[in-house]
Each structure stands twice: as C-alpha cells, then as structure tokens.
C-alpha cells in the first residue's frame, strides 16, 4: 500500500441523540498525528445495519483506505457491525472463531451461552485484536479494516496495537508553514489555485472588530516544496504592503 489514509467510523445512535459524548475522534486524530499518519475522514452514524454496511463499503473504495471502526461488535440485538462488515468486505456470512470462543468460555463459563458466544462469529478471514481490559477481542480484516468495541478504554489500546503492528514505518513527516495576514482570504485565491502537486494549501478566514484576517497554511511531505510555496505568500504580502505574522493568530 502507498501512504495510507485513515478513516474513523464511530457507530452509535446514543452519540447522535446526545446521550453519550464521542471520545474517539480526538484520540484518533492526536494518535495518528503523533505517528505522522494522515487522518482523512470521520463518520458518525446510526446503529442501522444498512448504513453501517454501506459506509464500510464506501470507505473500502477510497484510495489506500484504512478503517478504525468503533462500536457494534457485541452480542445484543443492536450490535450489527460484525455482519455489516461481512457483507461489505467478505461473503456476507459469519463463521465461528474458535480462539475467540475459547476466550469467552474461559471468562464466562456457562454464562457464555446462549448469547455472549455469538460475539465469536466473525467475517471470513478475521484476525483478533487483543483487549487489555476484559480479554474480549476486536477483529481485523485484510490488515487494514479494524473493528473494535465502543468503549474507549478497550478500543484505544487496539488502535495503538494495530498501528504498531501494521503501520509502524508508514508515517511521513509533514512540513507545515503558517501565517496570518491582515486581509481577506480572497487576496490569495490565485496563489492557491496555482499550488503545485504535492503541496496542500488551506485558508481560514477570521473577522475581528478591527477588520478581517486570513490564516494561510502550506504543507507538504517535501520540505523544500513547502518552503518554496510558502515563500510565494511572503513575497506577495511584502509586495502589496500587507501586514502579517508568521504562525496562527
């Protein structure tokens, strides 16, 4: 795989209706950043089988996609993620994972039946992700789609495990340069339109009581490209006598 693009799928009606706060987005953003890995998108969706399957399927079509999915892998009737993943990525069926069954029985004994044992029914080819809290694992498919419980204390160590195991050497250092200018962002449109391949330019408009400001951020995995492109904005501002400061305001 070329440079991976990471996506979060956060599953939970209780998040959408406000009964619970999401804690996965900030964690994943900060963790990926610390590994120099790209966070490309995040989805928060309802506990609806069709929505879960279609979202997983869509993410799988995106270039170099890696998915971290949180929630819906338990044994209650509203846990649909295991079957949705099978439909989106495999043959649509679930199969008993004997290693997982053993873990459930060791932990729960006779109480593993009739319902908890169903957590061990997984899509074809699933690999287990260790759970440091209660030993009930998550699972992965094709070493790039990772399905974890909704509980942060269980799932977040699984994210770290997956990154260390499969993406340890995938990160690239990004070089980013930022300035804030005393002007409207429209001043930079032509420069932004002509950004070269491999350079990302973004603008953030701000409006204060003393007038508008625009923050311009230039980034690239190529340090020289980032520096050269950033220099164009400095040159433009100096030429037009527009005041600015390096960094964000």
C-alpha atoms as a PDB file:
ATOM      1  CA  UNK A   1       0.000   0.000   0.000  1.00  0.00           C
ATOM      2  CA  UNK A   2       1.126   3.556  -0.727  1.00  0.00           C
ATOM      3  CA  UNK A   3       0.794   6.156   2.021  1.00  0.00           C
ATOM      4  CA  UNK A   4      -2.307   5.022   3.971  1.00  0.00           C
ATOM      5  CA  UNK A   5      -5.318   7.266   4.523  1.00  0.00           C
ATOM      6  CA  UNK A   6      -7.031   6.629   7.858  1.00  0.00           C
ATOM      7  CA  UNK A   7     -10.767   6.848   8.486  1.00  0.00           C
ATOM      8  CA  UNK A   8     -12.844   6.607  11.651  1.00  0.00           C
ATOM      9  CA  UNK A   9     -16.278   5.022  11.742  1.00  0.00           C
ATOM     10  CA  UNK A  10     -17.997   5.860  15.025  1.00  0.00           C
ATOM     11  CA  UNK A  11     -21.199   3.866  15.413  1.00  0.00           C
ATOM     12  CA  UNK A  12     -23.793   4.846  17.963  1.00  0.00           C
ATOM     13  CA  UNK A  13     -27.307   6.201  17.993  1.00  0.00           C
ATOM     14  CA  UNK A  14     -26.586   7.380  21.538  1.00  0.00           C
ATOM     15  CA  UNK A  15     -23.912   9.750  20.206  1.00  0.00           C
ATOM     16  CA  UNK A  16     -26.198  11.217  17.571  1.00  0.00           C
ATOM     17  CA  UNK A  17     -29.049  11.795  20.037  1.00  0.00           C
ATOM     18  CA  UNK A  18     -26.755  13.268  22.681  1.00  0.00           C
ATOM     19  CA  UNK A  19     -26.968  10.527  25.315  1.00  0.00           C
ATOM     20  CA  UNK A  20     -23.236   9.934  25.082  1.00  0.00           C
ATOM     21  CA  UNK A  21     -20.244  12.072  24.065  1.00  0.00           C
ATOM     22  CA  UNK A  22     -17.830  10.821  21.438  1.00  0.00           C
ATOM     23  CA  UNK A  23     -14.270  10.295  22.663  1.00  0.00           C
ATOM     24  CA  UNK A  24     -12.789   8.531  19.642  1.00  0.00           C
ATOM     25  CA  UNK A  25     -12.290  11.380  17.167  1.00  0.00           C
ATOM     26  CA  UNK A  26      -9.875  13.441  19.280  1.00  0.00           C
ATOM     27  CA  UNK A  27      -7.940  10.349  20.332  1.00  0.00           C
ATOM     28  CA  UNK A  28      -7.526   9.063  16.787  1.00  0.00           C
ATOM     29  CA  UNK A  29      -6.607  12.494  15.396  1.00  0.00           C
ATOM     30  CA  UNK A  30      -3.904  13.013  18.004  1.00  0.00           C
ATOM     31  CA  UNK A  31      -2.591   9.449  17.809  1.00  0.00           C
ATOM     32  CA  UNK A  32      -2.298   9.488  14.028  1.00  0.00           C
ATOM     33  CA  UNK A  33      -0.612  12.871  14.157  1.00  0.00           C
ATOM     34  CA  UNK A  34       1.950  11.553  16.636  1.00  0.00           C
ATOM     35  CA  UNK A  35       2.730   8.746  14.162  1.00  0.00           C
ATOM     36  CA  UNK A  36       2.940  11.138  11.154  1.00  0.00           C
ATOM     37  CA  UNK A  37      -0.067   9.391   9.621  1.00  0.00           C
ATOM     38  CA  UNK A  38      -2.890  11.040   7.700  1.00  0.00           C
ATOM     39  CA  UNK A  39      -6.387  11.268   9.190  1.00  0.00           C
ATOM     40  CA  UNK A  40      -8.503  11.506   6.040  1.00  0.00           C
ATOM     41  CA  UNK A  41     -12.073  11.420   7.364  1.00  0.00           C
ATOM     42  CA  UNK A  42     -14.511  10.539  10.114  1.00  0.00           C
ATOM     43  CA  UNK A  43     -18.101   9.272  10.073  1.00  0.00           C
ATOM     44  CA  UNK A  44     -20.584   9.157  12.966  1.00  0.00           C
ATOM     45  CA  UNK A  45     -23.547   7.003  12.043  1.00  0.00           C
ATOM     46  CA  UNK A  46     -26.685   5.397  13.424  1.00  0.00           C
ATOM     47  CA  UNK A  47     -26.930   1.758  14.569  1.00  0.00           C
ATOM     48  CA  UNK A  48     -28.648   0.754  11.340  1.00  0.00           C
ATOM     49  CA  UNK A  49     -27.321  -2.340   9.517  1.00  0.00           C
ATOM     50  CA  UNK A  50     -27.691  -0.883   6.026  1.00  0.00           C
ATOM     51  CA  UNK A  51     -25.961   2.374   6.956  1.00  0.00           C
ATOM     52  CA  UNK A  52     -23.093   0.546   8.648  1.00  0.00           C
ATOM     53  CA  UNK A  53     -22.540  -1.816   5.703  1.00  0.00           C
ATOM     54  CA  UNK A  54     -22.779   0.910   3.077  1.00  0.00           C
ATOM     55  CA  UNK A  55     -20.375   3.196   4.958  1.00  0.00           C
ATOM     56  CA  UNK A  56     -17.813   0.423   5.373  1.00  0.00           C
ATOM     57  CA  UNK A  57     -18.193  -0.438   1.697  1.00  0.00           C
ATOM     58  CA  UNK A  58     -17.726   3.189   0.668  1.00  0.00           C
ATOM     59  CA  UNK A  59     -14.594   3.634   2.769  1.00  0.00           C
ATOM     60  CA  UNK A  60     -13.142   0.464   1.264  1.00  0.00           C
ATOM     61  CA  UNK A  61     -13.359   2.030  -2.219  1.00  0.00           C
ATOM     62  CA  UNK A  62     -11.256   5.052  -1.259  1.00  0.00           C
ATOM     63  CA  UNK A  63      -7.545   5.056  -2.200  1.00  0.00           C
ATOM     64  CA  UNK A  64      -5.252   3.410   0.356  1.00  0.00           C
ATOM     65  CA  UNK A  65      -8.000   3.447   2.969  1.00  0.00           C
ATOM     66  CA  UNK A  66      -7.544   2.113   6.490  1.00  0.00           C
ATOM     67  CA  UNK A  67     -10.584   1.942   8.748  1.00  0.00           C
ATOM     68  CA  UNK A  68     -10.893   2.101  12.517  1.00  0.00           C
ATOM     69  CA  UNK A  69     -14.487   1.253  13.416  1.00  0.00           C
ATOM     70  CA  UNK A  70     -15.779   1.797  16.944  1.00  0.00           C
ATOM     71  CA  UNK A  71     -18.871   0.071  18.318  1.00  0.00           C
ATOM     72  CA  UNK A  72     -21.467  -2.549  17.470  1.00  0.00           C
ATOM     73  CA  UNK A  73     -19.485  -5.781  17.857  1.00  0.00           C
ATOM     74  CA  UNK A  74     -21.219  -7.130  20.966  1.00  0.00           C
ATOM     75  CA  UNK A  75     -23.914  -9.784  21.286  1.00  0.00           C
ATOM     76  CA  UNK A  76     -27.071  -7.697  21.780  1.00  0.00           C
ATOM     77  CA  UNK A  77     -29.679  -7.207  19.025  1.00  0.00           C
ATOM     78  CA  UNK A  78     -28.450  -3.673  18.285  1.00  0.00           C
ATOM     79  CA  UNK A  79     -24.893  -4.838  17.559  1.00  0.00           C
ATOM     80  CA  UNK A  80     -24.783  -5.058  13.762  1.00  0.00           C
ATOM     81  CA  UNK A  81     -21.158  -4.316  12.866  1.00  0.00           C
ATOM     82  CA  UNK A  82     -19.846  -7.871  12.567  1.00  0.00           C
ATOM     83  CA  UNK A  83     -22.443  -8.871   9.964  1.00  0.00           C
ATOM     84  CA  UNK A  84     -22.258  -5.473   8.247  1.00  0.00           C
ATOM     85  CA  UNK A  85     -18.502  -5.888   7.836  1.00  0.00           C
ATOM     86  CA  UNK A  86     -19.019  -9.377   6.395  1.00  0.00           C
ATOM     87  CA  UNK A  87     -21.499  -8.013   3.861  1.00  0.00           C
ATOM     88  CA  UNK A  88     -19.352  -5.024   2.925  1.00  0.00           C
ATOM     89  CA  UNK A  89     -15.965  -6.719   2.719  1.00  0.00           C
ATOM     90  CA  UNK A  90     -16.392 -10.508   2.513  1.00  0.00           C
ATOM     91  CA  UNK A  91     -19.010 -13.110   1.540  1.00  0.00           C
ATOM     92  CA  UNK A  92     -21.790 -11.842   3.777  1.00  0.00           C
ATOM     93  CA  UNK A  93     -21.567 -14.686   6.281  1.00  0.00           C
ATOM     94  CA  UNK A  94     -20.239 -15.074   9.829  1.00  0.00           C
ATOM     95  CA  UNK A  95     -18.127 -18.011  10.981  1.00  0.00           C
ATOM     96  CA  UNK A  96     -17.247 -19.244  14.481  1.00  0.00           C
ATOM     97  CA  UNK A  97     -13.755 -18.191  15.545  1.00  0.00           C
ATOM     98  CA  UNK A  98     -12.553 -20.984  17.820  1.00  0.00           C
ATOM     99  CA  UNK A  99      -9.890 -18.900  19.556  1.00  0.00           C
ATOM    100  CA  UNK A 100     -12.470 -16.231  20.386  1.00  0.00           C
ATOM    101  CA  UNK A 101     -14.956 -18.872  21.600  1.00  0.00           C
ATOM    102  CA  UNK A 102     -12.314 -20.231  23.959  1.00  0.00           C
ATOM    103  CA  UNK A 103     -11.690 -16.758  25.408  1.00  0.00           C
ATOM    104  CA  UNK A 104     -15.405 -16.234  26.001  1.00  0.00           C
ATOM    105  CA  UNK A 105     -15.853 -19.600  27.691  1.00  0.00           C
ATOM    106  CA  UNK A 106     -12.765 -19.095  29.863  1.00  0.00           C
ATOM    107  CA  UNK A 107     -14.107 -15.757  31.051  1.00  0.00           C
ATOM    108  CA  UNK A 108     -17.820 -16.516  31.388  1.00  0.00           C
ATOM    109  CA  UNK A 109     -18.122 -20.263  31.802  1.00  0.00           C
ATOM    110  CA  UNK A 110     -21.722 -21.437  31.441  1.00  0.00           C
ATOM    111  CA  UNK A 111     -22.838 -17.809  31.092  1.00  0.00           C
ATOM    112  CA  UNK A 112     -21.185 -17.759  27.647  1.00  0.00           C
ATOM    113  CA  UNK A 113     -24.425 -19.325  26.370  1.00  0.00           C
ATOM    114  CA  UNK A 114     -26.722 -18.606  24.699  1.00  0.00           C
ATOM    115  CA  UNK A 115     -25.790 -15.030  23.742  1.00  0.00           C
ATOM    116  CA  UNK A 116     -22.186 -13.905  24.519  1.00  0.00           C
ATOM    117  CA  UNK A 117     -20.754 -16.789  22.485  1.00  0.00           C
ATOM    118  CA  UNK A 118     -22.207 -15.132  19.389  1.00  0.00           C
ATOM    119  CA  UNK A 119     -19.534 -12.437  19.612  1.00  0.00           C
ATOM    120  CA  UNK A 120     -17.147 -15.078  18.286  1.00  0.00           C
ATOM    121  CA  UNK A 121     -18.997 -15.248  14.966  1.00  0.00           C
ATOM    122  CA  UNK A 122     -16.818 -13.179  12.653  1.00  0.00           C
ATOM    123  CA  UNK A 123     -16.395 -12.472   8.936  1.00  0.00           C
ATOM    124  CA  UNK A 124     -14.266 -14.777   6.822  1.00  0.00           C
ATOM    125  CA  UNK A 125     -10.544 -14.409   7.490  1.00  0.00           C
ATOM    126  CA  UNK A 126     -10.889 -12.246  10.598  1.00  0.00           C
ATOM    127  CA  UNK A 127      -7.894 -11.802  12.889  1.00  0.00           C
ATOM    128  CA  UNK A 128      -8.293 -10.964  16.571  1.00  0.00           C
ATOM    129  CA  UNK A 129      -7.266  -7.678  18.187  1.00  0.00           C
ATOM    130  CA  UNK A 130      -6.275  -8.126  21.847  1.00  0.00           C
ATOM    131  CA  UNK A 131      -8.414  -6.483  24.515  1.00  0.00           C
ATOM    132  CA  UNK A 132      -6.306  -5.479  27.522  1.00  0.00           C
ATOM    133  CA  UNK A 133      -9.370  -4.804  29.696  1.00  0.00           C
ATOM    134  CA  UNK A 134     -11.589  -7.906  29.612  1.00  0.00           C
ATOM    135  CA  UNK A 135      -9.904 -10.188  27.032  1.00  0.00           C
ATOM    136  CA  UNK A 136     -12.880  -9.954  24.626  1.00  0.00           C
ATOM    137  CA  UNK A 137     -11.097  -9.074  21.375  1.00  0.00           C
ATOM    138  CA  UNK A 138     -11.933  -6.898  18.445  1.00  0.00           C
ATOM    139  CA  UNK A 139     -11.078  -8.111  14.961  1.00  0.00           C
ATOM    140  CA  UNK A 140      -9.447  -7.022  11.731  1.00  0.00           C
ATOM    141  CA  UNK A 141      -9.905  -7.853   8.064  1.00  0.00           C
ATOM    142  CA  UNK A 142      -7.183  -7.747   5.425  1.00  0.00           C
ATOM    143  CA  UNK A 143      -4.819  -5.985   7.860  1.00  0.00           C
ATOM    144  CA  UNK A 144      -6.486  -2.638   7.100  1.00  0.00           C
ATOM    145  CA  UNK A 145     -10.044  -2.715   8.466  1.00  0.00           C
ATOM    146  CA  UNK A 146     -10.176  -2.759  12.263  1.00  0.00           C
ATOM    147  CA  UNK A 147     -13.353  -3.295  14.283  1.00  0.00           C
ATOM    148  CA  UNK A 148     -13.366  -2.523  17.984  1.00  0.00           C
ATOM    149  CA  UNK A 149     -15.755  -2.040  20.908  1.00  0.00           C
ATOM    150  CA  UNK A 150     -17.258   1.372  21.505  1.00  0.00           C
ATOM    151  CA  UNK A 151     -15.646   1.604  24.953  1.00  0.00           C
ATOM    152  CA  UNK A 152     -12.540   3.834  24.674  1.00  0.00           C
ATOM    153  CA  UNK A 153     -10.606   2.004  27.391  1.00  0.00           C
ATOM    154  CA  UNK A 154     -10.844  -1.161  25.273  1.00  0.00           C
ATOM    155  CA  UNK A 155     -10.636   0.194  21.739  1.00  0.00           C
ATOM    156  CA  UNK A 156      -7.914   2.800  22.068  1.00  0.00           C
ATOM    157  CA  UNK A 157      -5.210   0.269  23.021  1.00  0.00           C
ATOM    158  CA  UNK A 158      -6.370  -1.759  19.989  1.00  0.00           C
ATOM    159  CA  UNK A 159      -5.684   1.252  17.774  1.00  0.00           C
ATOM    160  CA  UNK A 160      -2.167   1.527  19.191  1.00  0.00           C
ATOM    161  CA  UNK A 161      -1.659  -2.202  18.690  1.00  0.00           C
ATOM    162  CA  UNK A 162      -2.759  -2.039  15.043  1.00  0.00           C
ATOM    163  CA  UNK A 163      -0.616   0.998  14.274  1.00  0.00           C
ATOM    164  CA  UNK A 164       2.472  -0.598  15.811  1.00  0.00           C
ATOM    165  CA  UNK A 165       1.879  -3.943  14.116  1.00  0.00           C
ATOM    166  CA  UNK A 166       0.858  -2.865  10.617  1.00  0.00           C
ATOM    167  CA  UNK A 167       1.852   0.782  10.089  1.00  0.00           C
ATOM    168  CA  UNK A 168       4.960   1.349  12.172  1.00  0.00           C
ATOM    169  CA  UNK A 169       7.056   2.564   9.235  1.00  0.00           C
ATOM    170  CA  UNK A 170       4.267   4.105   7.151  1.00  0.00           C
ATOM    171  CA  UNK A 171       4.352   7.630   8.524  1.00  0.00           C
ATOM    172  CA  UNK A 172       5.946  10.535   6.696  1.00  0.00           C
ATOM    173  CA  UNK A 173       6.940  13.808   8.288  1.00  0.00           C
ATOM    174  CA  UNK A 174       4.777  16.661   7.085  1.00  0.00           C
ATOM    175  CA  UNK A 175       6.311  20.115   6.804  1.00  0.00           C
ATOM    176  CA  UNK A 176       3.819  22.901   7.508  1.00  0.00           C
ATOM    177  CA  UNK A 177       4.237  26.669   7.471  1.00  0.00           C
ATOM    178  CA  UNK A 178       1.554  29.103   8.553  1.00  0.00           C
ATOM    179  CA  UNK A 179       0.986  32.854   8.540  1.00  0.00           C
ATOM    180  CA  UNK A 180      -1.840  35.209   9.442  1.00  0.00           C
ATOM    181  CA  UNK A 181      -2.313  38.325   7.293  1.00  0.00           C
ATOM    182  CA  UNK A 182      -4.389  41.465   7.805  1.00  0.00           C
ATOM    183  CA  UNK A 183      -6.516  40.962   4.714  1.00  0.00           C
ATOM    184  CA  UNK A 184      -9.347  38.881   3.324  1.00  0.00           C
ATOM    185  CA  UNK A 185      -8.623  35.356   2.121  1.00  0.00           C
ATOM    186  CA  UNK A 186      -9.747  36.368  -1.387  1.00  0.00           C
ATOM    187  CA  UNK A 187      -6.357  38.030  -1.801  1.00  0.00           C
ATOM    188  CA  UNK A 188      -4.771  34.584  -2.000  1.00  0.00           C
ATOM    189  CA  UNK A 189      -7.100  32.834  -4.430  1.00  0.00           C
ATOM    190  CA  UNK A 190      -4.813  32.969  -7.473  1.00  0.00           C
ATOM    191  CA  UNK A 191      -1.832  31.748  -5.478  1.00  0.00           C
ATOM    192  CA  UNK A 192      -3.895  28.921  -4.006  1.00  0.00           C
ATOM    193  CA  UNK A 193      -5.219  27.880  -7.419  1.00  0.00           C
ATOM    194  CA  UNK A 194      -1.636  27.508  -8.679  1.00  0.00           C
ATOM    195  CA  UNK A 195      -0.305  25.354  -5.837  1.00  0.00           C
ATOM    196  CA  UNK A 196       1.918  22.605  -7.284  1.00  0.00           C
ATOM    197  CA  UNK A 197       1.241  18.899  -6.960  1.00  0.00           C
ATOM    198  CA  UNK A 198       2.283  17.560  -3.609  1.00  0.00           C
ATOM    199  CA  UNK A 199       1.567  20.810  -1.768  1.00  0.00           C
ATOM    200  CA  UNK A 200      -1.571  21.398   0.292  1.00  0.00           C
ATOM    201  CA  UNK A 201      -2.712  24.980   0.851  1.00  0.00           C
ATOM    202  CA  UNK A 202      -5.620  25.903   3.084  1.00  0.00           C
ATOM    203  CA  UNK A 203      -7.078  29.207   4.230  1.00  0.00           C
ATOM    204  CA  UNK A 204      -9.035  30.147   7.324  1.00  0.00           C
ATOM    205  CA  UNK A 205     -10.872  33.482   7.321  1.00  0.00           C
ATOM    206  CA  UNK A 206     -11.312  35.420  10.551  1.00  0.00           C
ATOM    207  CA  UNK A 207     -13.182  38.601  11.282  1.00  0.00           C
ATOM    208  CA  UNK A 208     -12.357  40.877  14.205  1.00  0.00           C
ATOM    209  CA  UNK A 209     -13.656  44.281  15.262  1.00  0.00           C
ATOM    210  CA  UNK A 210     -10.608  45.914  13.670  1.00  0.00           C
ATOM    211  CA  UNK A 211     -11.020  44.101  10.338  1.00  0.00           C
ATOM    212  CA  UNK A 212     -10.528  40.794   8.535  1.00  0.00           C
ATOM    213  CA  UNK A 213      -7.640  38.396   8.823  1.00  0.00           C
ATOM    214  CA  UNK A 214      -6.712  35.298   6.836  1.00  0.00           C
ATOM    215  CA  UNK A 215      -4.603  32.411   8.054  1.00  0.00           C
ATOM    216  CA  UNK A 216      -2.773  30.557   5.283  1.00  0.00           C
ATOM    217  CA  UNK A 217      -1.278  27.127   5.879  1.00  0.00           C
ATOM    218  CA  UNK A 218       1.108  25.475   3.419  1.00  0.00           C
ATOM    219  CA  UNK A 219       2.093  21.824   3.880  1.00  0.00           C
ATOM    220  CA  UNK A 220       3.966  19.102   2.026  1.00  0.00           C
ATOM    221  CA  UNK A 221       5.887  15.938   2.700  1.00  0.00           C
ATOM    222  CA  UNK A 222       8.646  17.557   0.618  1.00  0.00           C
ATOM    223  CA  UNK A 223      10.294  20.153   2.853  1.00  0.00           C
ATOM    224  CA  UNK A 224      11.726  22.225   0.018  1.00  0.00           C
ATOM    225  CA  UNK A 225       8.415  22.333  -1.842  1.00  0.00           C
ATOM    226  CA  UNK A 226       6.666  23.552   1.307  1.00  0.00           C
ATOM    227  CA  UNK A 227       9.275  26.243   1.897  1.00  0.00           C
ATOM    228  CA  UNK A 228       9.237  27.415  -1.727  1.00  0.00           C
ATOM    229  CA  UNK A 229       5.445  27.657  -1.843  1.00  0.00           C
ATOM    230  CA  UNK A 230       5.266  29.458   1.493  1.00  0.00           C
ATOM    231  CA  UNK A 231       7.834  31.952   0.246  1.00  0.00           C
ATOM    232  CA  UNK A 232       5.418  32.942  -2.553  1.00  0.00           C
ATOM    233  CA  UNK A 233       2.889  34.121   0.027  1.00  0.00           C
ATOM    234  CA  UNK A 234       5.525  36.107   1.901  1.00  0.00           C
ATOM    235  CA  UNK A 235       6.642  37.706  -1.367  1.00  0.00           C
ATOM    236  CA  UNK A 236       3.042  38.571  -2.309  1.00  0.00           C
ATOM    237  CA  UNK A 237       2.326  40.166   1.059  1.00  0.00           C
ATOM    238  CA  UNK A 238       5.541  42.181   1.074  1.00  0.00           C
ATOM    239  CA  UNK A 239       4.942  43.371  -2.491  1.00  0.00           C
ATOM    240  CA  UNK A 240       1.440  44.563  -1.615  1.00  0.00           C
ATOM    241  CA  UNK A 241       2.404  46.061   1.764  1.00  0.00           C
ATOM    242  CA  UNK A 242       0.009  43.782   3.656  1.00  0.00           C
ATOM    243  CA  UNK A 243       0.921  43.234   7.306  1.00  0.00           C
ATOM    244  CA  UNK A 244       1.277  39.665   8.524  1.00  0.00           C
ATOM    245  CA  UNK A 245       2.724  37.479  11.211  1.00  0.00           C
ATOM    246  CA  UNK A 246       4.232  34.026  10.994  1.00  0.00           C
ATOM    247  CA  UNK A 247       2.030  31.469  12.678  1.00  0.00           C
ATOM    248  CA  UNK A 248      -1.646  31.392  13.629  1.00  0.00           C
ATOM    249  CA  UNK A 249      -3.428  34.133  15.498  1.00  0.00           C
END
